[in-house]
PDB file of N, CA and C in Angstrom:
ATOM      1  N   UNK A   1     -11.003 -15.354  31.897  1.00  0.00           N
ATOM      2  CA  UNK A   1     -10.089 -16.571  31.150  1.00  0.00           C
ATOM      3  C   UNK A   1     -10.356 -15.946  29.776  1.00  0.00           C
ATOM      4  N   UNK A   2      -9.261 -15.867  28.965  1.00  0.00           N
ATOM      5  CA  UNK A   2      -9.284 -15.348  27.594  1.00  0.00           C
ATOM      6  C   UNK A   2      -9.198 -16.813  26.661  1.00  0.00           C
ATOM      7  N   UNK A   3     -10.091 -16.468  25.601  1.00  0.00           N
ATOM      8  CA  UNK A   3     -10.020 -17.210  24.530  1.00  0.00           C
ATOM      9  C   UNK A   3      -8.996 -17.539  23.838  1.00  0.00           C
ATOM     10  N   UNK A   4      -8.055 -18.901  23.557  1.00  0.00           N
ATOM     11  CA  UNK A   4      -7.243 -19.157  23.075  1.00  0.00           C
ATOM     12  C   UNK A   4      -7.433 -19.571  21.500  1.00  0.00           C
ATOM     13  N   UNK A   5      -8.530 -19.485  21.057  1.00  0.00           N
ATOM     14  CA  UNK A   5      -8.983 -19.955  19.661  1.00  0.00           C
ATOM     15  C   UNK A   5      -9.010 -18.930  18.651  1.00  0.00           C
ATOM     16  N   UNK A   6      -8.147 -17.711  18.941  1.00  0.00           N
ATOM     17  CA  UNK A   6      -8.660 -16.466  18.206  1.00  0.00           C
ATOM     18  C   UNK A   6      -7.706 -16.607  16.870  1.00  0.00           C
ATOM     19  N   UNK A   7      -8.318 -15.978  15.668  1.00  0.00           N
ATOM     20  CA  UNK A   7      -7.413 -16.074  14.594  1.00  0.00           C
ATOM     21  C   UNK A   7      -6.137 -15.071  14.471  1.00  0.00           C
ATOM     22  N   UNK A   8      -5.053 -15.337  14.092  1.00  0.00           N
ATOM     23  CA  UNK A   8      -4.056 -14.444  14.073  1.00  0.00           C
ATOM     24  C   UNK A   8      -4.084 -13.717  12.712  1.00  0.00           C
ATOM     25  N   UNK A   9      -4.459 -12.322  13.224  1.00  0.00           N
ATOM     26  CA  UNK A   9      -4.907 -11.455  12.182  1.00  0.00           C
ATOM     27  C   UNK A   9      -3.657 -10.920  11.190  1.00  0.00           C
ATOM     28  N   UNK A  10      -2.473 -10.862  11.707  1.00  0.00           N
ATOM     29  CA  UNK A  10      -1.190 -10.474  11.106  1.00  0.00           C
ATOM     30  C   UNK A  10      -0.857 -11.705   9.918  1.00  0.00           C
ATOM     31  N   UNK A  11      -1.318 -12.914  10.360  1.00  0.00           N
ATOM     32  CA  UNK A  11      -0.811 -13.934   9.623  1.00  0.00           C
ATOM     33  C   UNK A  11      -2.037 -14.217   8.667  1.00  0.00           C
ATOM     34  N   UNK A  12      -3.147 -14.020   8.957  1.00  0.00           N
ATOM     35  CA  UNK A  12      -4.122 -13.996   7.790  1.00  0.00           C
ATOM     36  C   UNK A  12      -3.937 -12.874   6.869  1.00  0.00           C
ATOM     37  N   UNK A  13      -3.643 -11.782   7.145  1.00  0.00           N
ATOM     38  CA  UNK A  13      -3.297 -10.790   6.332  1.00  0.00           C
ATOM     39  C   UNK A  13      -1.841 -11.278   5.400  1.00  0.00           C
ATOM     40  N   UNK A  14      -1.144 -11.835   5.747  1.00  0.00           N
ATOM     41  CA  UNK A  14      -0.036 -12.288   4.822  1.00  0.00           C
ATOM     42  C   UNK A  14      -0.597 -13.321   4.153  1.00  0.00           C
ATOM     43  N   UNK A  15      -1.549 -14.358   4.523  1.00  0.00           N
ATOM     44  CA  UNK A  15      -1.994 -15.416   3.573  1.00  0.00           C
ATOM     45  C   UNK A  15      -2.844 -14.865   2.479  1.00  0.00           C
ATOM     46  N   UNK A  16      -3.611 -13.762   2.929  1.00  0.00           N
ATOM     47  CA  UNK A  16      -4.509 -13.163   1.819  1.00  0.00           C
ATOM     48  C   UNK A  16      -3.560 -12.562   0.827  1.00  0.00           C
ATOM     49  N   UNK A  17      -2.586 -11.950   1.296  1.00  0.00           N
ATOM     50  CA  UNK A  17      -1.661 -11.075   0.111  1.00  0.00           C
ATOM     51  C   UNK A  17      -0.902 -12.116  -0.997  1.00  0.00           C
ATOM     52  N   UNK A  18      -0.635 -13.331  -0.148  1.00  0.00           N
ATOM     53  CA  UNK A  18      -0.008 -14.441  -1.099  1.00  0.00           C
ATOM     54  C   UNK A  18      -1.105 -14.971  -2.025  1.00  0.00           C
ATOM     55  N   UNK A  19      -2.577 -14.996  -1.452  1.00  0.00           N
ATOM     56  CA  UNK A  19      -3.558 -15.386  -2.588  1.00  0.00           C
ATOM     57  C   UNK A  19      -3.725 -14.412  -3.485  1.00  0.00           C
ATOM     58  N   UNK A  20      -3.654 -13.206  -3.258  1.00  0.00           N
ATOM     59  CA  UNK A  20      -3.758 -12.072  -4.148  1.00  0.00           C
ATOM     60  C   UNK A  20      -2.694 -12.052  -5.110  1.00  0.00           C
ATOM     61  N   UNK A  21      -1.534 -12.380  -5.064  1.00  0.00           N
ATOM     62  CA  UNK A  21      -0.342 -12.714  -5.771  1.00  0.00           C
ATOM     63  C   UNK A  21      -0.364 -13.809  -6.522  1.00  0.00           C
ATOM     64  N   UNK A  22      -1.174 -14.829  -6.091  1.00  0.00           N
ATOM     65  CA  UNK A  22      -1.623 -16.257  -6.791  1.00  0.00           C
ATOM     66  C   UNK A  22      -2.488 -15.774  -7.863  1.00  0.00           C
ATOM     67  N   UNK A  23      -3.336 -14.807  -7.551  1.00  0.00           N
ATOM     68  CA  UNK A  23      -4.270 -14.613  -8.488  1.00  0.00           C
ATOM     69  C   UNK A  23      -3.786 -13.892  -9.762  1.00  0.00           C
ATOM     70  N   UNK A  24      -3.031 -13.048  -9.349  1.00  0.00           N
ATOM     71  CA  UNK A  24      -2.222 -12.325 -10.439  1.00  0.00           C
ATOM     72  C   UNK A  24      -1.306 -13.424 -11.505  1.00  0.00           C
ATOM     73  N   UNK A  25      -0.878 -14.113 -10.680  1.00  0.00           N
ATOM     74  CA  UNK A  25      -0.031 -15.315 -11.761  1.00  0.00           C
ATOM     75  C   UNK A  25      -0.821 -16.228 -12.276  1.00  0.00           C
ATOM     76  N   UNK A  26      -2.080 -16.402 -11.483  1.00  0.00           N
ATOM     77  CA  UNK A  26      -3.376 -17.138 -12.395  1.00  0.00           C
ATOM     78  C   UNK A  26      -3.888 -16.695 -13.635  1.00  0.00           C
ATOM     79  N   UNK A  27      -3.836 -15.337 -13.750  1.00  0.00           N
ATOM     80  CA  UNK A  27      -4.261 -14.896 -14.818  1.00  0.00           C
ATOM     81  C   UNK A  27      -2.919 -14.443 -15.987  1.00  0.00           C
ATOM     82  N   UNK A  28      -1.861 -14.110 -15.534  1.00  0.00           N
ATOM     83  CA  UNK A  28      -0.693 -13.896 -16.249  1.00  0.00           C
ATOM     84  C   UNK A  28      -0.161 -15.183 -16.741  1.00  0.00           C
ATOM     85  N   UNK A  29      -0.079 -16.146 -16.260  1.00  0.00           N
ATOM     86  CA  UNK A  29       0.583 -17.305 -16.654  1.00  0.00           C
ATOM     87  C   UNK A  29      -0.243 -17.877 -17.919  1.00  0.00           C
ATOM     88  N   UNK A  30      -1.369 -18.269 -17.605  1.00  0.00           N
ATOM     89  CA  UNK A  30      -2.166 -18.907 -19.081  1.00  0.00           C
ATOM     90  C   UNK A  30      -2.349 -18.123 -20.094  1.00  0.00           C
ATOM     91  N   UNK A  31      -2.312 -16.742 -19.694  1.00  0.00           N
ATOM     92  CA  UNK A  31      -2.208 -15.553 -20.963  1.00  0.00           C
ATOM     93  C   UNK A  31      -0.812 -15.720 -21.794  1.00  0.00           C
ATOM     94  N   UNK A  32       0.351 -15.657 -20.747  1.00  0.00           N
ATOM     95  CA  UNK A  32       1.438 -15.459 -21.403  1.00  0.00           C
ATOM     96  C   UNK A  32       1.776 -17.340 -22.225  1.00  0.00           C
ATOM     97  N   UNK A  33       1.055 -18.218 -21.935  1.00  0.00           N
ATOM     98  CA  UNK A  33       1.265 -19.426 -22.276  1.00  0.00           C
ATOM     99  C   UNK A  33       0.443 -19.474 -23.835  1.00  0.00           C
ATOM    100  N   UNK A  34      -0.878 -18.773 -23.800  1.00  0.00           N
ATOM    101  CA  UNK A  34      -1.548 -18.777 -25.041  1.00  0.00           C
ATOM    102  C   UNK A  34      -0.839 -17.801 -25.877  1.00  0.00           C
ATOM    103  N   UNK A  35      -0.110 -16.763 -25.497  1.00  0.00           N
ATOM    104  CA  UNK A  35       0.746 -15.934 -26.584  1.00  0.00           C
ATOM    105  C   UNK A  35       2.007 -16.717 -27.131  1.00  0.00           C
ATOM    106  N   UNK A  36       2.305 -17.539 -26.091  1.00  0.00           N
ATOM    107  CA  UNK A  36       3.620 -18.397 -26.893  1.00  0.00           C
ATOM    108  C   UNK A  36       3.070 -19.349 -27.942  1.00  0.00           C
ATOM    109  N   UNK A  37       2.017 -20.215 -27.286  1.00  0.00           N
ATOM    110  CA  UNK A  37       1.432 -20.974 -28.416  1.00  0.00           C
ATOM    111  C   UNK A  37       0.888 -20.578 -29.671  1.00  0.00           C
ATOM    112  N   UNK A  38       0.547 -19.210 -29.722  1.00  0.00           N
ATOM    113  CA  UNK A  38      -0.107 -18.771 -31.089  1.00  0.00           C
ATOM    114  C   UNK A  38       1.007 -18.175 -31.811  1.00  0.00           C
ATOM    115  N   UNK A  39       2.375 -17.866 -31.210  1.00  0.00           N
ATOM    116  CA  UNK A  39       3.585 -17.366 -31.926  1.00  0.00           C
ATOM    117  C   UNK A  39       4.499 -18.520 -32.190  1.00  0.00           C
ATOM    118  N   UNK A  40       4.140 -19.614 -32.437  1.00  0.00           N
ATOM    119  CA  UNK A  40       5.409 -20.755 -32.369  1.00  0.00           C
ATOM    120  C   UNK A  40       6.532 -20.676 -33.419  1.00  0.00           C
ATOM    121  N   UNK A  41       6.147 -19.588 -34.356  1.00  0.00           N
ATOM    122  CA  UNK A  41       7.319 -19.414 -35.480  1.00  0.00           C
ATOM    123  C   UNK A  41       8.326 -18.321 -34.967  1.00  0.00           C
ATOM    124  N   UNK A  42       7.909 -17.535 -34.032  1.00  0.00           N
ATOM    125  CA  UNK A  42       8.659 -16.354 -33.572  1.00  0.00           C
ATOM    126  C   UNK A  42      10.051 -16.756 -33.165  1.00  0.00           C
ATOM    127  N   UNK A  43      11.130 -16.062 -33.010  1.00  0.00           N
ATOM    128  CA  UNK A  43      12.472 -16.521 -32.170  1.00  0.00           C
ATOM    129  C   UNK A  43      12.242 -16.600 -30.898  1.00  0.00           C
ATOM    130  N   UNK A  44      11.280 -15.485 -30.434  1.00  0.00           N
ATOM    131  CA  UNK A  44      11.203 -15.602 -28.873  1.00  0.00           C
ATOM    132  C   UNK A  44      10.211 -16.918 -28.267  1.00  0.00           C
ATOM    133  N   UNK A  45       9.807 -17.597 -29.077  1.00  0.00           N
ATOM    134  CA  UNK A  45       9.122 -18.581 -28.548  1.00  0.00           C
ATOM    135  C   UNK A  45       9.400 -19.347 -27.442  1.00  0.00           C
ATOM    136  N   UNK A  46      10.560 -20.032 -27.319  1.00  0.00           N
ATOM    137  CA  UNK A  46      11.006 -20.896 -26.315  1.00  0.00           C
ATOM    138  C   UNK A  46      11.248 -20.037 -25.127  1.00  0.00           C
ATOM    139  N   UNK A  47      11.997 -18.793 -24.975  1.00  0.00           N
ATOM    140  CA  UNK A  47      11.842 -18.154 -23.693  1.00  0.00           C
ATOM    141  C   UNK A  47      10.681 -17.667 -23.186  1.00  0.00           C
ATOM    142  N   UNK A  48       9.451 -17.279 -24.152  1.00  0.00           N
ATOM    143  CA  UNK A  48       8.103 -16.796 -23.759  1.00  0.00           C
ATOM    144  C   UNK A  48       7.644 -18.241 -23.172  1.00  0.00           C
ATOM    145  N   UNK A  49       7.872 -19.381 -23.921  1.00  0.00           N
ATOM    146  CA  UNK A  49       7.024 -20.580 -23.315  1.00  0.00           C
ATOM    147  C   UNK A  49       7.710 -20.864 -21.791  1.00  0.00           C
ATOM    148  N   UNK A  50       9.236 -20.764 -21.710  1.00  0.00           N
ATOM    149  CA  UNK A  50       9.396 -21.126 -20.407  1.00  0.00           C
ATOM    150  C   UNK A  50       9.162 -19.960 -19.228  1.00  0.00           C
ATOM    151  N   UNK A  51       9.107 -18.702 -19.573  1.00  0.00           N
ATOM    152  CA  UNK A  51       8.469 -17.911 -18.781  1.00  0.00           C
ATOM    153  C   UNK A  51       6.998 -17.925 -18.366  1.00  0.00           C
ATOM    154  N   UNK A  52       6.123 -18.091 -19.333  1.00  0.00           N
ATOM    155  CA  UNK A  52       4.636 -18.759 -19.104  1.00  0.00           C
ATOM    156  C   UNK A  52       4.704 -19.924 -18.133  1.00  0.00           C
ATOM    157  N   UNK A  53       5.403 -21.080 -18.457  1.00  0.00           N
ATOM    158  CA  UNK A  53       5.401 -22.210 -17.588  1.00  0.00           C
ATOM    159  C   UNK A  53       5.835 -21.718 -16.206  1.00  0.00           C
ATOM    160  N   UNK A  54       6.881 -20.859 -15.891  1.00  0.00           N
ATOM    161  CA  UNK A  54       7.300 -20.590 -14.623  1.00  0.00           C
ATOM    162  C   UNK A  54       6.301 -19.773 -14.081  1.00  0.00           C
ATOM    163  N   UNK A  55       5.497 -18.943 -14.583  1.00  0.00           N
ATOM    164  CA  UNK A  55       4.447 -18.325 -14.131  1.00  0.00           C
ATOM    165  C   UNK A  55       3.185 -19.160 -13.468  1.00  0.00           C
ATOM    166  N   UNK A  56       2.947 -20.065 -14.501  1.00  0.00           N
ATOM    167  CA  UNK A  56       1.974 -21.085 -13.995  1.00  0.00           C
ATOM    168  C   UNK A  56       2.493 -21.822 -12.739  1.00  0.00           C
ATOM    169  N   UNK A  57       3.533 -22.067 -12.767  1.00  0.00           N
ATOM    170  CA  UNK A  57       4.088 -23.108 -11.460  1.00  0.00           C
ATOM    171  C   UNK A  57       4.209 -21.916 -10.104  1.00  0.00           C
ATOM    172  N   UNK A  58       4.721 -20.751 -10.452  1.00  0.00           N
ATOM    173  CA  UNK A  58       4.665 -20.030  -9.339  1.00  0.00           C
ATOM    174  C   UNK A  58       2.797 -19.613  -8.878  1.00  0.00           C
ATOM    175  N   UNK A  59       2.087 -19.610  -9.592  1.00  0.00           N
ATOM    176  CA  UNK A  59       0.614 -19.710  -9.143  1.00  0.00           C
ATOM    177  C   UNK A  59       0.303 -20.694  -8.247  1.00  0.00           C
ATOM    178  N   UNK A  60       0.922 -21.786  -8.691  1.00  0.00           N
ATOM    179  CA  UNK A  60       0.353 -23.178  -7.916  1.00  0.00           C
ATOM    180  C   UNK A  60       1.132 -23.109  -6.368  1.00  0.00           C
ATOM    181  N   UNK A  61       2.364 -22.471  -6.632  1.00  0.00           N
ATOM    182  CA  UNK A  61       3.117 -22.552  -5.441  1.00  0.00           C
ATOM    183  C   UNK A  61       2.708 -21.293  -4.621  1.00  0.00           C
ATOM    184  N   UNK A  62       2.315 -20.283  -4.938  1.00  0.00           N
ATOM    185  CA  UNK A  62       1.597 -19.274  -4.065  1.00  0.00           C
ATOM    186  C   UNK A  62       0.010 -19.776  -3.540  1.00  0.00           C
ATOM    187  N   UNK A  63      -0.555 -20.497  -4.382  1.00  0.00           N
ATOM    188  CA  UNK A  63      -1.833 -20.968  -4.102  1.00  0.00           C
ATOM    189  C   UNK A  63      -1.473 -21.886  -2.681  1.00  0.00           C
ATOM    190  N   UNK A  64      -0.619 -22.828  -2.861  1.00  0.00           N
ATOM    191  CA  UNK A  64      -0.463 -23.757  -1.469  1.00  0.00           C
ATOM    192  C   UNK A  64       0.010 -22.805  -0.342  1.00  0.00           C
ATOM    193  N   UNK A  65       0.859 -21.888  -0.560  1.00  0.00           N
ATOM    194  CA  UNK A  65       1.645 -20.999   0.409  1.00  0.00           C
ATOM    195  C   UNK A  65       0.477 -20.172   1.095  1.00  0.00           C
ATOM    196  N   UNK A  66      -0.319 -19.672   0.215  1.00  0.00           N
ATOM    197  CA  UNK A  66      -1.301 -18.735   0.674  1.00  0.00           C
ATOM    198  C   UNK A  66      -2.527 -19.542   1.555  1.00  0.00           C
ATOM    199  N   UNK A  67      -2.868 -20.698   1.181  1.00  0.00           N
ATOM    200  CA  UNK A  67      -3.952 -21.545   1.688  1.00  0.00           C
ATOM    201  C   UNK A  67      -3.118 -22.032   3.170  1.00  0.00           C
ATOM    202  N   UNK A  68      -2.096 -22.612   2.999  1.00  0.00           N
ATOM    203  CA  UNK A  68      -1.314 -22.909   4.306  1.00  0.00           C
ATOM    204  C   UNK A  68      -1.122 -22.071   5.283  1.00  0.00           C
ATOM    205  N   UNK A  69      -0.808 -20.801   5.019  1.00  0.00           N
ATOM    206  CA  UNK A  69      -0.795 -19.556   5.852  1.00  0.00           C
ATOM    207  C   UNK A  69      -1.998 -19.369   6.424  1.00  0.00           C
ATOM    208  N   UNK A  70      -3.064 -19.242   5.772  1.00  0.00           N
ATOM    209  CA  UNK A  70      -4.241 -18.955   6.034  1.00  0.00           C
ATOM    210  C   UNK A  70      -4.826 -19.788   7.193  1.00  0.00           C
ATOM    211  N   UNK A  71      -4.455 -21.320   6.994  1.00  0.00           N
ATOM    212  CA  UNK A  71      -4.831 -22.350   7.690  1.00  0.00           C
ATOM    213  C   UNK A  71      -4.049 -22.421   9.080  1.00  0.00           C
ATOM    214  N   UNK A  72      -2.983 -21.814   8.988  1.00  0.00           N
ATOM    215  CA  UNK A  72      -2.110 -21.546   9.970  1.00  0.00           C
ATOM    216  C   UNK A  72      -2.325 -20.670  11.037  1.00  0.00           C
ATOM    217  N   UNK A  73      -3.132 -19.445  10.525  1.00  0.00           N
ATOM    218  CA  UNK A  73      -3.510 -18.455  11.248  1.00  0.00           C
ATOM    219  C   UNK A  73      -4.876 -18.697  11.929  1.00  0.00           C
ATOM    220  N   UNK A  74      -5.938 -19.642  11.375  1.00  0.00           N
ATOM    221  CA  UNK A  74      -7.010 -19.983  11.998  1.00  0.00           C
ATOM    222  C   UNK A  74      -6.681 -21.080  12.964  1.00  0.00           C
ATOM    223  N   UNK A  75      -6.017 -22.265  12.708  1.00  0.00           N
ATOM    224  CA  UNK A  75      -5.947 -23.266  13.549  1.00  0.00           C
ATOM    225  C   UNK A  75      -4.555 -23.741  14.211  1.00  0.00           C
ATOM    226  N   UNK A  76      -3.725 -22.425  13.978  1.00  0.00           N
ATOM    227  CA  UNK A  76      -2.348 -22.851  14.929  1.00  0.00           C
ATOM    228  C   UNK A  76      -2.608 -22.831  16.576  1.00  0.00           C
ATOM    229  N   UNK A  77      -1.856 -23.978  16.878  1.00  0.00           N
ATOM    230  CA  UNK A  77      -1.807 -24.153  18.461  1.00  0.00           C
ATOM    231  C   UNK A  77      -0.768 -23.542  18.953  1.00  0.00           C
ATOM    232  N   UNK A  78      -0.979 -22.897  20.115  1.00  0.00           N
ATOM    233  CA  UNK A  78       0.228 -21.932  20.770  1.00  0.00           C
ATOM    234  C   UNK A  78       0.681 -23.007  21.787  1.00  0.00           C
TER     235      UNK A  78
END
């Protein structure tokens, strides 16, 4: 009899890649946000602020997707 509670390694790798992308966005988003707030007199203030906020939102989305994928790889029922 084979154990059915094995972790799906391919799905786990996909989740870890998403967490890596999340980590990248977690550093880039606040850094860009700081740059935008420190240069509020410049003409590119609004586009940089929008870009930084999008990076922060993407960090949250990839965090959720990565954790969800990792949990599915561990606990998914077949």
